[in-house]
Amino acid sequence: MRIVLLLAVMVLGSMSVNAQKKTKQDSVIQFSGLVVTEGDDGDVIILPYTNIGIVGTSRGTNSDVDGFFSIVAKKGETVRFTSIGFRDAEYTIPDTLSKLLYSYVQIMSEDSFLLPEAVIYPWPDREYFKYEFLAIDISDDLRDRADENLAKEVLDELRYTIPADGRETVGLELKQNARNFGYVGQTKPQNIFNPLAWKKFIDAWRNGDFKSKDKKKKK
């Protein structure tokens, strides 16, 4: 009799364990889908790199560059979608699913943030500004230093040594192209026959503009 009862307990225990395993397996699904948003013209736009997490757990993922995502979840769990500049969205997986694969498309809505007005002052108040203004050092040393930095020789040196930035380079390139386009289909005039160009050359020669800087410094 004891042997029969022991066998019955073992059979019932194994059936209970198998039932629990089957229940857990049936509750797990592959939750996949696409994250999109609405464009200015009403078109559907893919929303990549959206954070996707299961509420109350540490499980999560994010959508790829094409807006696609896939994560293992359980029936009845809530999935949260978050992305910078968009409102958070949540979706609860139905607990009545009969399949192990479930697809879903999440539409994210843009969110606007109203920041408080920030007024930046160089000084805390007007009185402090008056105090700092009266305390400014306007001695002759500062005036002499400013005159040295703004001297014509210094500015000329900086003009030739400092490289042009992007805006200046683009401007020069556009001007050069405009000159070239003006003579398309015809011979470009030569300055060798231009009397004004000869005058500028002679004046520059007399002024010593063609001499090296070292020779000028020696003089």
Protein backbone atom coordinates (compact mmCIF):
# COMPACT_ATOMS: atom_id res chain seq x y z
CA MET A 1 0.00 0.00 0.00
CA ARG A 2 2.81 2.41 0.83
CA ILE A 3 4.48 1.71 -2.50
CA VAL A 4 1.25 2.53 -4.36
CA LEU A 5 0.86 5.83 -2.46
CA LEU A 6 4.51 6.77 -3.15
CA LEU A 7 4.12 6.09 -6.86
CA ALA A 8 0.93 8.15 -6.93
CA VAL A 9 2.67 11.12 -5.23
CA MET A 10 5.59 10.95 -7.68
CA VAL A 11 3.27 10.86 -10.71
CA LEU A 12 1.21 13.78 -9.46
CA GLY A 13 4.36 15.78 -8.66
CA SER A 14 5.80 15.27 -12.13
CA MET A 15 2.49 16.24 -13.70
CA SER A 16 2.39 19.43 -11.60
CA VAL A 17 5.95 20.38 -12.59
CA ASN A 18 5.23 19.73 -16.25
CA ALA A 19 2.07 21.81 -16.03
CA GLN A 20 3.98 24.69 -14.44
CA LYS A 21 6.69 24.54 -17.12
CA LYS A 22 4.07 24.44 -19.84
CA THR A 23 2.24 27.42 -18.30
CA LYS A 24 5.46 29.47 -18.14
CA GLN A 25 6.38 28.58 -21.70
CA ASP A 26 2.92 29.45 -22.97
CA SER A 27 3.06 32.88 -21.26
CA VAL A 28 6.33 33.92 -23.00
CA ILE A 29 6.10 35.45 -26.49
CA GLN A 30 8.35 37.23 -28.99
CA PHE A 31 7.13 40.83 -29.09
CA SER A 32 8.30 42.57 -32.28
CA GLY A 33 7.25 45.62 -34.19
CA LEU A 34 7.99 49.04 -35.64
CA VAL A 35 8.22 52.51 -34.10
CA VAL A 36 7.05 55.37 -36.31
CA THR A 37 5.90 58.98 -36.08
CA GLU A 38 3.97 61.42 -38.23
CA GLY A 39 5.84 63.91 -40.39
CA ASP A 40 4.91 67.52 -41.10
CA ASP A 41 3.14 66.53 -44.32
CA GLY A 42 1.31 63.62 -42.72
CA ASP A 43 3.64 60.92 -43.99
CA VAL A 44 4.77 58.04 -41.80
CA ILE A 45 8.40 58.46 -40.68
CA ILE A 46 10.55 55.76 -39.11
CA LEU A 47 11.68 56.62 -35.57
CA PRO A 48 15.01 54.93 -34.79
CA TYR A 49 16.75 54.48 -31.42
CA THR A 50 13.58 54.49 -29.32
CA ASN A 51 13.99 53.06 -25.83
CA ILE A 52 11.71 50.08 -25.20
CA GLY A 53 11.40 48.50 -21.76
CA ILE A 54 9.15 46.14 -19.85
CA VAL A 55 7.57 48.01 -16.93
CA GLY A 56 8.61 46.62 -13.55
CA THR A 57 11.56 44.64 -14.93
CA SER A 58 15.13 45.24 -16.07
CA ARG A 59 14.46 43.86 -19.55
CA GLY A 60 14.57 46.26 -22.46
CA THR A 61 15.87 47.05 -25.91
CA ASN A 62 15.73 49.84 -28.49
CA SER A 63 14.63 50.21 -32.08
CA ASP A 64 17.31 50.01 -34.74
CA VAL A 65 18.04 52.50 -37.51
CA ASP A 66 14.98 51.23 -39.40
CA GLY A 67 12.69 51.57 -36.37
CA PHE A 68 12.42 47.78 -35.88
CA PHE A 69 12.52 46.18 -32.42
CA SER A 70 12.12 42.71 -30.95
CA ILE A 71 12.05 41.60 -27.33
CA VAL A 72 10.99 38.57 -25.30
CA ALA A 73 7.99 39.42 -23.10
CA LYS A 74 5.17 37.78 -21.21
CA LYS A 75 1.49 38.00 -21.86
CA GLY A 76 -0.11 40.75 -19.83
CA GLU A 77 3.11 42.78 -19.37
CA THR A 78 3.21 46.50 -20.13
CA VAL A 79 5.78 47.79 -22.63
CA ARG A 80 6.92 51.42 -22.40
CA PHE A 81 8.27 53.42 -25.36
CA THR A 82 10.38 56.52 -24.69
CA SER A 83 12.30 58.83 -27.01
CA ILE A 84 13.71 62.35 -26.62
CA GLY A 85 11.30 64.93 -28.02
CA PHE A 86 8.34 62.52 -27.99
CA ARG A 87 5.66 61.66 -25.46
CA ASP A 88 6.05 58.41 -23.55
CA ALA A 89 3.75 55.62 -24.70
CA GLU A 90 2.74 52.34 -23.10
CA TYR A 91 1.13 49.21 -24.47
CA THR A 92 -0.13 46.18 -22.55
CA ILE A 93 0.33 42.86 -24.30
CA PRO A 94 -2.98 40.95 -24.34
CA ASP A 95 -3.03 37.94 -22.02
CA THR A 96 -5.39 36.05 -24.34
CA LEU A 97 -2.88 35.47 -27.12
CA SER A 98 -2.74 31.99 -28.60
CA LYS A 99 0.45 32.48 -30.62
CA LEU A 100 4.06 32.86 -29.52
CA LEU A 101 4.77 35.70 -32.00
CA TYR A 102 3.09 39.08 -31.73
CA SER A 103 3.66 42.15 -33.94
CA TYR A 104 2.82 45.73 -33.06
CA VAL A 105 3.30 49.23 -34.55
CA GLN A 106 3.80 52.07 -32.07
CA ILE A 107 3.07 55.64 -33.23
CA MET A 108 4.97 58.24 -31.20
CA SER A 109 3.65 61.81 -30.82
CA GLU A 110 5.98 64.79 -30.67
CA ASP A 111 6.17 66.59 -27.36
CA SER A 112 6.89 70.27 -26.78
CA PHE A 113 8.67 71.67 -23.75
CA LEU A 114 8.13 75.24 -22.59
CA LEU A 115 11.22 76.43 -20.77
CA PRO A 116 11.02 79.38 -18.40
CA GLU A 117 12.46 82.65 -19.63
CA ALA A 118 16.09 83.15 -18.67
CA VAL A 119 17.57 86.67 -18.70
CA ILE A 120 21.35 86.72 -18.45
CA TYR A 121 23.09 89.82 -17.11
CA PRO A 122 26.85 90.38 -16.98
CA TRP A 123 26.41 91.69 -13.43
CA PRO A 124 23.90 90.80 -10.70
CA ASP A 125 22.28 94.26 -10.59
CA ARG A 126 22.70 97.87 -11.76
CA GLU A 127 24.51 98.99 -8.60
CA TYR A 128 27.12 96.27 -9.03
CA PHE A 129 27.52 97.31 -12.67
CA LYS A 130 28.22 100.91 -11.61
CA TYR A 131 30.78 99.69 -9.11
CA GLU A 132 32.59 97.52 -11.65
CA PHE A 133 32.42 100.22 -14.32
CA LEU A 134 34.04 102.79 -12.06
CA ALA A 135 36.71 100.26 -11.04
CA ILE A 136 37.78 99.56 -14.64
CA ASP A 137 41.50 100.12 -15.20
CA ILE A 138 41.84 102.74 -17.94
CA SER A 139 45.49 103.51 -17.38
CA ASP A 140 47.90 104.47 -20.15
CA ASP A 141 49.32 100.94 -20.24
CA LEU A 142 46.05 99.54 -21.57
CA ARG A 143 45.77 102.35 -24.11
CA ASP A 144 49.34 101.76 -25.29
CA ARG A 145 48.75 98.03 -25.54
CA ALA A 146 45.60 98.61 -27.61
CA ASP A 147 47.49 100.95 -29.93
CA GLU A 148 50.20 98.33 -30.41
CA ASN A 149 47.69 95.60 -31.21
CA LEU A 150 45.85 97.84 -33.67
CA ALA A 151 48.96 99.16 -35.39
CA LYS A 152 48.96 98.91 -39.19
CA GLU A 153 52.08 96.75 -39.26
CA VAL A 154 50.59 94.27 -36.78
CA LEU A 155 47.30 94.07 -38.66
CA ASP A 156 49.12 93.56 -41.96
CA GLU A 157 51.17 90.76 -40.41
CA LEU A 158 48.03 89.07 -39.09
CA ARG A 159 46.30 89.49 -42.43
CA TYR A 160 48.99 87.48 -44.22
CA THR A 161 49.75 84.91 -41.53
CA ILE A 162 46.29 83.93 -40.27
CA PRO A 163 44.63 81.48 -42.70
CA ALA A 164 41.22 82.26 -44.11
CA ASP A 165 38.21 80.64 -42.48
CA GLY A 166 35.50 78.70 -44.28
CA ARG A 167 33.33 81.73 -45.02
CA GLU A 168 36.20 83.74 -46.51
CA THR A 169 37.37 80.78 -48.59
CA VAL A 170 33.89 80.22 -50.00
CA GLY A 171 33.54 83.93 -50.77
CA LEU A 172 36.84 84.02 -52.65
CA GLU A 173 35.94 80.87 -54.56
CA LEU A 174 32.55 82.28 -55.59
CA LYS A 175 34.11 85.57 -56.71
CA GLN A 176 36.72 83.72 -58.78
CA ASN A 177 34.05 81.56 -60.40
CA ALA A 178 31.98 84.66 -61.17
CA ARG A 179 34.96 86.25 -62.93
CA ASN A 180 35.61 83.10 -64.93
CA PHE A 181 31.96 82.74 -65.94
CA GLY A 182 31.96 86.34 -67.18
CA TYR A 183 34.46 85.45 -69.91
CA VAL A 184 33.01 82.10 -70.98
CA GLY A 185 33.31 81.71 -74.77
CA GLN A 186 35.80 84.56 -75.20
CA THR A 187 39.40 85.39 -74.51
CA LYS A 188 40.04 86.79 -71.07
CA PRO A 189 41.71 90.23 -71.23
CA GLN A 190 45.36 90.42 -70.22
CA ASN A 191 46.54 93.03 -67.71
CA ILE A 192 49.70 93.54 -69.71
CA PHE A 193 47.68 95.81 -72.00
CA ASN A 194 45.89 97.56 -69.13
CA PRO A 195 47.39 101.01 -68.38
CA LEU A 196 45.78 101.10 -64.90
CA ALA A 197 47.48 97.82 -64.00
CA TRP A 198 50.82 99.24 -65.16
CA LYS A 199 50.29 102.33 -63.00
CA LYS A 200 49.60 100.17 -59.93
CA PHE A 201 52.70 98.12 -60.64
CA ILE A 202 54.94 101.21 -60.96
CA ASP A 203 53.52 102.78 -57.79
CA ALA A 204 54.07 99.56 -55.87
CA TRP A 205 57.62 99.34 -57.17
CA ARG A 206 58.38 102.90 -56.04
CA ASN A 207 56.85 102.27 -52.63
CA GLY A 208 59.02 99.19 -52.11
CA ASP A 209 56.13 96.75 -51.79
CA PHE A 210 58.14 94.04 -53.57
CA LYS A 211 61.03 94.17 -51.11
CA SER A 212 61.28 91.40 -48.52
CA LYS A 213 60.28 92.09 -44.95
CA ASP A 214 63.80 91.41 -43.69
CA LYS A 215 65.23 94.18 -45.86
CA LYS A 216 62.55 96.58 -44.66
CA LYS A 217 63.38 95.79 -41.02
CA LYS A 218 67.12 96.41 -41.67
CA LYS A 219 66.33 99.86 -43.03
